[in-house]
Amino acid sequence: MNRNESEIGDVGPRGRRLAALALLALAPVWGYNWVVMKVGLRYSQPFTFSALRTFFGAVILFIVLAILRRPLRPRALGLTTVLGLLQTTGFVGLAMWALESGGAAKTSILIYTMPFWLLLMAWLVLGERLGKMQWAAVALASPG
């Protein structure tokens, strides 16, 4: 085992406290992010705003891939394209459109309840059943 693997596996009490602090800081940042995006939509159309958000994120990811010397071409190009269109273009674009026409609170609640809607659709459409660990995850996520 090299040095990086041992550091990742053993974070220690200080690392756990920092991780918990980062998680606590993340909640208000994510929550307030919707207000910032609502203000940003005053100066841009929803799909233009979405394109700018994802474009700069993609540029940063490409830079990281180049630094790490990883290939830029995904293994499954067709599937990656379909998922990119549905997830990035659809989800981000439609979320910004909803944010433009509705309030930040309503839009964020709708977006953050998506995993629960997905569970319901998986049960109805695919016939999936939740196991004990999945029900535990639902119980932990519900108060949020």
N, C-alpha and C. Protein backbone atom coordinates (compact mmCIF):
# COMPACT_ATOMS: atom_id res chain seq x y z
N MET A 1 0.85 -1.17 0.00
CA MET A 1 0.00 0.00 0.00
C MET A 1 0.90 1.23 0.00
N ASN A 2 0.61 2.17 -0.90
CA ASN A 2 1.43 3.38 -0.94
C ASN A 2 0.90 4.40 0.06
N ARG A 3 1.60 5.50 0.14
CA ARG A 3 1.28 6.53 1.13
C ARG A 3 -0.12 7.11 0.94
N ASN A 4 -0.54 7.39 -0.30
CA ASN A 4 -1.85 7.98 -0.56
C ASN A 4 -2.99 7.07 -0.12
N GLU A 5 -2.83 5.75 -0.35
CA GLU A 5 -3.89 4.82 0.04
C GLU A 5 -4.05 4.80 1.56
N SER A 6 -2.94 4.83 2.31
CA SER A 6 -3.06 4.80 3.76
C SER A 6 -3.65 6.11 4.29
N GLU A 7 -3.33 7.23 3.65
CA GLU A 7 -3.89 8.51 4.09
C GLU A 7 -5.40 8.56 3.84
N ILE A 8 -5.84 8.00 2.73
CA ILE A 8 -7.26 8.02 2.41
C ILE A 8 -8.03 7.15 3.38
N GLY A 9 -7.50 5.99 3.72
CA GLY A 9 -8.21 5.04 4.58
C GLY A 9 -8.26 5.48 6.03
N ASP A 10 -7.27 6.20 6.52
CA ASP A 10 -7.18 6.57 7.93
C ASP A 10 -7.19 8.09 8.06
N VAL A 11 -8.37 8.67 8.17
CA VAL A 11 -8.46 10.13 8.24
C VAL A 11 -8.25 10.65 9.66
N GLY A 12 -8.53 9.86 10.64
CA GLY A 12 -8.35 10.27 12.02
C GLY A 12 -9.45 11.20 12.50
N PRO A 13 -9.41 11.53 13.80
CA PRO A 13 -10.48 12.37 14.38
C PRO A 13 -10.51 13.78 13.79
N ARG A 14 -9.36 14.37 13.51
CA ARG A 14 -9.33 15.72 12.93
C ARG A 14 -9.97 15.72 11.55
N GLY A 15 -9.66 14.71 10.75
CA GLY A 15 -10.24 14.60 9.42
C GLY A 15 -11.75 14.42 9.47
N ARG A 16 -12.22 13.64 10.42
CA ARG A 16 -13.67 13.44 10.57
C ARG A 16 -14.37 14.74 10.98
N ARG A 17 -13.74 15.49 11.88
CA ARG A 17 -14.32 16.78 12.28
C ARG A 17 -14.37 17.75 11.11
N LEU A 18 -13.29 17.79 10.31
CA LEU A 18 -13.27 18.67 9.14
C LEU A 18 -14.32 18.25 8.11
N ALA A 19 -14.49 16.95 7.94
CA ALA A 19 -15.51 16.46 7.00
C ALA A 19 -16.90 16.83 7.48
N ALA A 20 -17.16 16.70 8.76
CA ALA A 20 -18.48 17.07 9.30
C ALA A 20 -18.70 18.58 9.17
N LEU A 21 -17.66 19.36 9.41
CA LEU A 21 -17.76 20.81 9.26
C LEU A 21 -18.03 21.19 7.81
N ALA A 22 -17.36 20.53 6.87
CA ALA A 22 -17.58 20.78 5.45
C ALA A 22 -19.02 20.43 5.06
N LEU A 23 -19.54 19.33 5.59
CA LEU A 23 -20.92 18.94 5.30
C LEU A 23 -21.91 19.95 5.86
N LEU A 24 -21.64 20.45 7.06
CA LEU A 24 -22.52 21.47 7.65
C LEU A 24 -22.47 22.77 6.85
N ALA A 25 -21.30 23.13 6.34
CA ALA A 25 -21.17 24.35 5.54
C ALA A 25 -21.82 24.18 4.17
N LEU A 26 -21.85 22.97 3.66
CA LEU A 26 -22.40 22.71 2.33
C LEU A 26 -23.90 22.98 2.27
N ALA A 27 -24.64 22.66 3.31
CA ALA A 27 -26.10 22.83 3.30
C ALA A 27 -26.51 24.28 3.06
N PRO A 28 -26.01 25.26 3.81
CA PRO A 28 -26.43 26.63 3.51
C PRO A 28 -25.90 27.15 2.17
N VAL A 29 -24.73 26.68 1.75
CA VAL A 29 -24.21 27.11 0.45
C VAL A 29 -25.12 26.61 -0.66
N TRP A 30 -25.49 25.34 -0.61
CA TRP A 30 -26.40 24.80 -1.63
C TRP A 30 -27.76 25.48 -1.55
N GLY A 31 -28.24 25.72 -0.35
CA GLY A 31 -29.53 26.37 -0.20
C GLY A 31 -29.53 27.79 -0.74
N TYR A 32 -28.50 28.54 -0.43
CA TYR A 32 -28.44 29.93 -0.89
C TYR A 32 -28.11 30.03 -2.38
N ASN A 33 -27.55 28.97 -2.93
CA ASN A 33 -27.22 28.93 -4.35
C ASN A 33 -28.45 29.21 -5.21
N TRP A 34 -29.62 28.76 -4.77
CA TRP A 34 -30.85 28.98 -5.55
C TRP A 34 -31.19 30.46 -5.62
N VAL A 35 -30.94 31.19 -4.55
CA VAL A 35 -31.19 32.63 -4.55
C VAL A 35 -30.22 33.33 -5.51
N VAL A 36 -28.96 32.92 -5.47
CA VAL A 36 -27.96 33.50 -6.37
C VAL A 36 -28.33 33.23 -7.82
N MET A 37 -28.77 32.02 -8.12
CA MET A 37 -29.17 31.70 -9.50
C MET A 37 -30.39 32.51 -9.92
N LYS A 38 -31.32 32.72 -8.99
CA LYS A 38 -32.50 33.52 -9.29
C LYS A 38 -32.09 34.95 -9.66
N VAL A 39 -31.14 35.50 -8.96
CA VAL A 39 -30.62 36.84 -9.28
C VAL A 39 -29.90 36.81 -10.63
N GLY A 40 -29.12 35.77 -10.88
CA GLY A 40 -28.43 35.65 -12.16
C GLY A 40 -29.38 35.60 -13.34
N LEU A 41 -30.56 35.04 -13.13
CA LEU A 41 -31.54 34.95 -14.21
C LEU A 41 -32.15 36.31 -14.57
N ARG A 42 -31.93 37.32 -13.74
CA ARG A 42 -32.37 38.67 -14.11
C ARG A 42 -31.57 39.22 -15.29
N TYR A 43 -30.36 38.69 -15.46
CA TYR A 43 -29.45 39.21 -16.46
C TYR A 43 -29.25 38.27 -17.65
N SER A 44 -29.92 37.12 -17.64
CA SER A 44 -29.70 36.14 -18.69
C SER A 44 -30.95 35.28 -18.86
N GLN A 45 -31.11 34.70 -20.03
CA GLN A 45 -32.19 33.75 -20.28
C GLN A 45 -31.84 32.43 -19.60
N PRO A 46 -32.83 31.62 -19.23
CA PRO A 46 -32.55 30.39 -18.48
C PRO A 46 -31.60 29.42 -19.19
N PHE A 47 -31.79 29.22 -20.49
CA PHE A 47 -30.94 28.25 -21.17
C PHE A 47 -29.55 28.80 -21.45
N THR A 48 -29.42 30.11 -21.63
CA THR A 48 -28.10 30.73 -21.76
C THR A 48 -27.36 30.64 -20.44
N PHE A 49 -28.05 30.92 -19.35
CA PHE A 49 -27.46 30.83 -18.02
C PHE A 49 -27.00 29.40 -17.75
N SER A 50 -27.82 28.43 -18.10
CA SER A 50 -27.47 27.02 -17.92
C SER A 50 -26.26 26.65 -18.76
N ALA A 51 -26.23 27.11 -20.00
CA ALA A 51 -25.10 26.81 -20.88
C ALA A 51 -23.81 27.38 -20.32
N LEU A 52 -23.86 28.59 -19.79
CA LEU A 52 -22.66 29.20 -19.21
C LEU A 52 -22.19 28.43 -17.98
N ARG A 53 -23.13 28.03 -17.13
CA ARG A 53 -22.78 27.27 -15.93
C ARG A 53 -22.09 25.96 -16.30
N THR A 54 -22.68 25.22 -17.23
CA THR A 54 -22.13 23.92 -17.57
C THR A 54 -20.87 24.04 -18.43
N PHE A 55 -20.79 25.07 -19.26
CA PHE A 55 -19.61 25.26 -20.11
C PHE A 55 -18.36 25.45 -19.26
N PHE A 56 -18.43 26.36 -18.30
CA PHE A 56 -17.25 26.62 -17.48
C PHE A 56 -16.90 25.42 -16.58
N GLY A 57 -17.91 24.69 -16.12
CA GLY A 57 -17.65 23.46 -15.38
C GLY A 57 -16.96 22.43 -16.25
N ALA A 58 -17.39 22.29 -17.51
CA ALA A 58 -16.78 21.34 -18.44
C ALA A 58 -15.34 21.74 -18.74
N VAL A 59 -15.08 23.04 -18.91
CA VAL A 59 -13.71 23.49 -19.17
C VAL A 59 -12.79 23.10 -18.02
N ILE A 60 -13.25 23.30 -16.80
CA ILE A 60 -12.45 22.92 -15.62
C ILE A 60 -12.21 21.42 -15.60
N LEU A 61 -13.24 20.62 -15.91
CA LEU A 61 -13.06 19.17 -15.93
C LEU A 61 -12.05 18.74 -17.00
N PHE A 62 -12.10 19.38 -18.18
CA PHE A 62 -11.14 19.06 -19.22
C PHE A 62 -9.71 19.41 -18.79
N ILE A 63 -9.56 20.51 -18.09
CA ILE A 63 -8.24 20.89 -17.58
C ILE A 63 -7.73 19.86 -16.58
N VAL A 64 -8.61 19.42 -15.68
CA VAL A 64 -8.23 18.40 -14.69
C VAL A 64 -7.85 17.10 -15.40
N LEU A 65 -8.63 16.69 -16.41
CA LEU A 65 -8.29 15.48 -17.17
C LEU A 65 -6.93 15.61 -17.84
N ALA A 66 -6.64 16.77 -18.39
CA ALA A 66 -5.34 16.97 -19.04
C ALA A 66 -4.21 16.92 -18.02
N ILE A 67 -4.40 17.53 -16.85
CA ILE A 67 -3.38 17.50 -15.81
C ILE A 67 -3.13 16.07 -15.33
N LEU A 68 -4.21 15.31 -15.18
CA LEU A 68 -4.09 13.92 -14.73
C LEU A 68 -3.70 12.96 -15.85
N ARG A 69 -3.61 13.50 -17.07
CA ARG A 69 -3.26 12.71 -18.26
C ARG A 69 -4.23 11.56 -18.49
N ARG A 70 -5.49 11.86 -18.30
CA ARG A 70 -6.55 10.90 -18.59
C ARG A 70 -7.10 11.18 -19.98
N PRO A 71 -7.63 10.16 -20.65
CA PRO A 71 -8.18 10.40 -22.00
C PRO A 71 -9.43 11.27 -21.94
N LEU A 72 -9.58 12.13 -22.94
CA LEU A 72 -10.75 13.00 -23.00
C LEU A 72 -11.97 12.29 -23.56
N ARG A 73 -11.76 11.25 -24.35
CA ARG A 73 -12.87 10.53 -24.97
C ARG A 73 -13.46 9.53 -23.97
N PRO A 74 -14.76 9.61 -23.71
CA PRO A 74 -15.38 8.65 -22.79
C PRO A 74 -15.41 7.25 -23.39
N ARG A 75 -15.49 6.25 -22.54
CA ARG A 75 -15.52 4.86 -23.01
C ARG A 75 -16.77 4.57 -23.83
N ALA A 76 -17.91 5.01 -23.36
CA ALA A 76 -19.18 4.77 -24.06
C ALA A 76 -19.68 6.11 -24.58
N LEU A 77 -19.22 6.50 -25.75
CA LEU A 77 -19.53 7.82 -26.29
C LEU A 77 -21.02 8.04 -26.51
N GLY A 78 -21.72 7.07 -27.09
CA GLY A 78 -23.15 7.22 -27.36
C GLY A 78 -23.96 7.37 -26.08
N LEU A 79 -23.71 6.49 -25.12
CA LEU A 79 -24.44 6.55 -23.84
C LEU A 79 -24.11 7.84 -23.09
N THR A 80 -22.85 8.24 -23.13
CA THR A 80 -22.45 9.49 -22.48
C THR A 80 -23.16 10.69 -23.10
N THR A 81 -23.31 10.67 -24.42
CA THR A 81 -24.01 11.76 -25.12
C THR A 81 -25.48 11.81 -24.71
N VAL A 82 -26.13 10.65 -24.69
CA VAL A 82 -27.55 10.61 -24.30
C VAL A 82 -27.72 11.08 -22.86
N LEU A 83 -26.89 10.57 -21.96
CA LEU A 83 -26.98 10.99 -20.56
C LEU A 83 -26.66 12.47 -20.39
N GLY A 84 -25.71 12.97 -21.15
CA GLY A 84 -25.37 14.40 -21.09
C GLY A 84 -26.54 15.26 -21.54
N LEU A 85 -27.20 14.83 -22.61
CA LEU A 85 -28.35 15.60 -23.08
C LEU A 85 -29.50 15.57 -22.08
N LEU A 86 -29.77 14.40 -21.51
CA LEU A 86 -30.87 14.29 -20.56
C LEU A 86 -30.54 14.96 -19.23
N GLN A 87 -29.37 14.64 -18.67
CA GLN A 87 -29.02 15.15 -17.35
C GLN A 87 -28.61 16.62 -17.39
N THR A 88 -27.59 16.91 -18.15
CA THR A 88 -27.07 18.28 -18.13
C THR A 88 -28.00 19.24 -18.85
N THR A 89 -28.30 18.95 -20.10
CA THR A 89 -29.13 19.87 -20.86
C THR A 89 -30.54 19.91 -20.31
N GLY A 90 -31.14 18.74 -20.12
CA GLY A 90 -32.52 18.70 -19.65
C GLY A 90 -32.68 19.18 -18.22
N PHE A 91 -31.97 18.54 -17.31
CA PHE A 91 -32.15 18.84 -15.89
C PHE A 91 -31.75 20.28 -15.55
N VAL A 92 -30.55 20.68 -15.95
CA VAL A 92 -30.07 22.01 -15.60
C VAL A 92 -30.89 23.08 -16.32
N GLY A 93 -31.13 22.87 -17.61
CA GLY A 93 -31.91 23.85 -18.38
C GLY A 93 -33.33 23.99 -17.87
N LEU A 94 -33.99 22.87 -17.63
CA LEU A 94 -35.37 22.94 -17.14
C LEU A 94 -35.44 23.46 -15.71
N ALA A 95 -34.44 23.16 -14.90
CA ALA A 95 -34.40 23.72 -13.53
C ALA A 95 -34.29 25.24 -13.58
N MET A 96 -33.46 25.76 -14.48
CA MET A 96 -33.34 27.21 -14.61
C MET A 96 -34.62 27.83 -15.16
N TRP A 97 -35.27 27.14 -16.06
CA TRP A 97 -36.54 27.61 -16.60
C TRP A 97 -37.58 27.67 -15.49
N ALA A 98 -37.63 26.63 -14.66
CA ALA A 98 -38.56 26.62 -13.52
C ALA A 98 -38.20 27.73 -12.54
N LEU A 99 -36.93 27.96 -12.35
CA LEU A 99 -36.50 29.01 -11.42
C LEU A 99 -36.88 30.39 -11.93
N GLU A 100 -36.83 30.57 -13.24
CA GLU A 100 -37.22 31.85 -13.82
C GLU A 100 -38.71 32.12 -13.64
N SER A 101 -39.52 31.08 -13.79
CA SER A 101 -40.98 31.27 -13.73
C SER A 101 -41.55 31.08 -12.34
N GLY A 102 -40.78 30.55 -11.42
CA GLY A 102 -41.28 30.31 -10.07
C GLY A 102 -40.31 30.83 -9.03
N GLY A 103 -40.64 30.59 -7.81
CA GLY A 103 -39.79 31.02 -6.71
C GLY A 103 -38.63 30.09 -6.47
N ALA A 104 -37.59 30.60 -5.85
CA ALA A 104 -36.41 29.79 -5.56
C ALA A 104 -36.75 28.65 -4.60
N ALA A 105 -37.58 28.92 -3.60
CA ALA A 105 -37.92 27.88 -2.62
C ALA A 105 -38.70 26.75 -3.27
N LYS A 106 -39.71 27.08 -4.08
CA LYS A 106 -40.51 26.04 -4.74
C LYS A 106 -39.65 25.20 -5.68
N THR A 107 -38.79 25.85 -6.44
CA THR A 107 -37.95 25.13 -7.40
C THR A 107 -36.96 24.23 -6.67
N SER A 108 -36.34 24.72 -5.62
CA SER A 108 -35.36 23.89 -4.91
C SER A 108 -36.02 22.69 -4.26
N ILE A 109 -37.22 22.86 -3.73
CA ILE A 109 -37.93 21.73 -3.13
C ILE A 109 -38.26 20.68 -4.19
N LEU A 110 -38.73 21.14 -5.34
CA LEU A 110 -39.03 20.21 -6.43
C LEU A 110 -37.78 19.47 -6.87
N ILE A 111 -36.67 20.17 -7.01
CA ILE A 111 -35.43 19.56 -7.47
C ILE A 111 -34.90 18.56 -6.44
N TYR A 112 -34.91 18.94 -5.16
CA TYR A 112 -34.33 18.07 -4.14
C TYR A 112 -35.22 16.89 -3.77
N THR A 113 -36.49 16.90 -4.19
CA THR A 113 -37.33 15.73 -3.97
C THR A 113 -37.24 14.75 -5.14
N MET A 114 -36.43 15.06 -6.14
CA MET A 114 -36.29 14.20 -7.31
C MET A 114 -35.95 12.75 -6.96
N PRO A 115 -35.06 12.47 -6.01
CA PRO A 115 -34.78 11.06 -5.70
C PRO A 115 -36.03 10.30 -5.22
N PHE A 116 -36.92 10.98 -4.51
CA PHE A 116 -38.14 10.31 -4.05
C PHE A 116 -39.07 10.01 -5.23
N TRP A 117 -39.18 10.95 -6.16
CA TRP A 117 -39.98 10.70 -7.36
C TRP A 117 -39.37 9.57 -8.18
N LEU A 118 -38.06 9.51 -8.22
CA LEU A 118 -37.38 8.44 -8.95
C LEU A 118 -37.67 7.08 -8.33
N LEU A 119 -37.67 7.00 -7.01
CA LEU A 119 -38.02 5.75 -6.34
C LEU A 119 -39.44 5.31 -6.71
N LEU A 120 -40.36 6.25 -6.71
CA LEU A 120 -41.75 5.93 -7.05
C LEU A 120 -41.86 5.46 -8.50
N MET A 121 -41.17 6.15 -9.42
CA MET A 121 -41.22 5.74 -10.82
C MET A 121 -40.55 4.39 -11.04
N ALA A 122 -39.45 4.12 -10.33
CA ALA A 122 -38.78 2.83 -10.47
C ALA A 122 -39.68 1.70 -9.98
N TRP A 123 -40.45 1.96 -8.94
CA TRP A 123 -41.39 0.96 -8.43
C TRP A 123 -42.53 0.73 -9.42
N LEU A 124 -43.10 1.83 -9.94
CA LEU A 124 -44.24 1.70 -10.85
C LEU A 124 -43.84 1.18 -12.24
N VAL A 125 -42.76 1.72 -12.79
CA VAL A 125 -42.39 1.40 -14.17
C VAL A 125 -41.54 0.14 -14.27
N LEU A 126 -40.56 0.02 -13.38
CA LEU A 126 -39.62 -1.09 -13.46
C LEU A 126 -39.93 -2.24 -12.51
N GLY A 127 -40.87 -2.01 -11.60
CA GLY A 127 -41.21 -3.06 -10.64
C GLY A 127 -40.14 -3.29 -9.59
N GLU A 128 -39.29 -2.29 -9.34
CA GLU A 128 -38.22 -2.44 -8.35
C GLU A 128 -38.78 -2.37 -6.94
N ARG A 129 -38.16 -3.14 -6.05
CA ARG A 129 -38.53 -3.14 -4.64
C ARG A 129 -37.33 -2.63 -3.83
N LEU A 130 -37.61 -1.86 -2.79
CA LEU A 130 -36.54 -1.33 -1.95
C LEU A 130 -36.13 -2.35 -0.90
N GLY A 131 -34.82 -2.45 -0.68
CA GLY A 131 -34.29 -3.30 0.38
C GLY A 131 -34.20 -2.53 1.68
N LYS A 132 -33.72 -3.19 2.72
CA LYS A 132 -33.62 -2.55 4.05
C LYS A 132 -32.71 -1.33 4.04
N MET A 133 -31.57 -1.44 3.38
CA MET A 133 -30.64 -0.31 3.34
C MET A 133 -31.22 0.87 2.55
N GLN A 134 -31.97 0.58 1.50
CA GLN A 134 -32.59 1.66 0.71
C GLN A 134 -33.67 2.36 1.53
N TRP A 135 -34.45 1.59 2.28
CA TRP A 135 -35.46 2.22 3.14
C TRP A 135 -34.80 3.06 4.23
N ALA A 136 -33.66 2.59 4.73
CA ALA A 136 -32.92 3.38 5.73
C ALA A 136 -32.44 4.70 5.10
N ALA A 137 -31.97 4.64 3.86
CA ALA A 137 -31.53 5.85 3.17
C ALA A 137 -32.71 6.81 2.95
N VAL A 138 -33.87 6.27 2.59
CA VAL A 138 -35.07 7.11 2.43
C VAL A 138 -35.43 7.76 3.76
N ALA A 139 -35.38 7.01 4.84
CA ALA A 139 -35.71 7.56 6.16
C ALA A 139 -34.73 8.66 6.56
N LEU A 140 -33.46 8.50 6.24
CA LEU A 140 -32.47 9.53 6.57
C LEU A 140 -32.63 10.76 5.69
N ALA A 141 -33.01 10.56 4.42
CA ALA A 141 -33.14 11.67 3.47
C ALA A 141 -34.43 12.46 3.68
N SER A 142 -35.46 11.82 4.17
CA SER A 142 -36.77 12.47 4.27
C SER A 142 -36.77 13.76 5.10
N PRO A 143 -36.13 13.81 6.26
CA PRO A 143 -36.16 15.07 7.02
C PRO A 143 -35.52 16.24 6.27
N GLY A 144 -34.57 15.95 5.38
CA GLY A 144 -33.91 17.00 4.62
C GLY A 144 -34.86 17.70 3.70
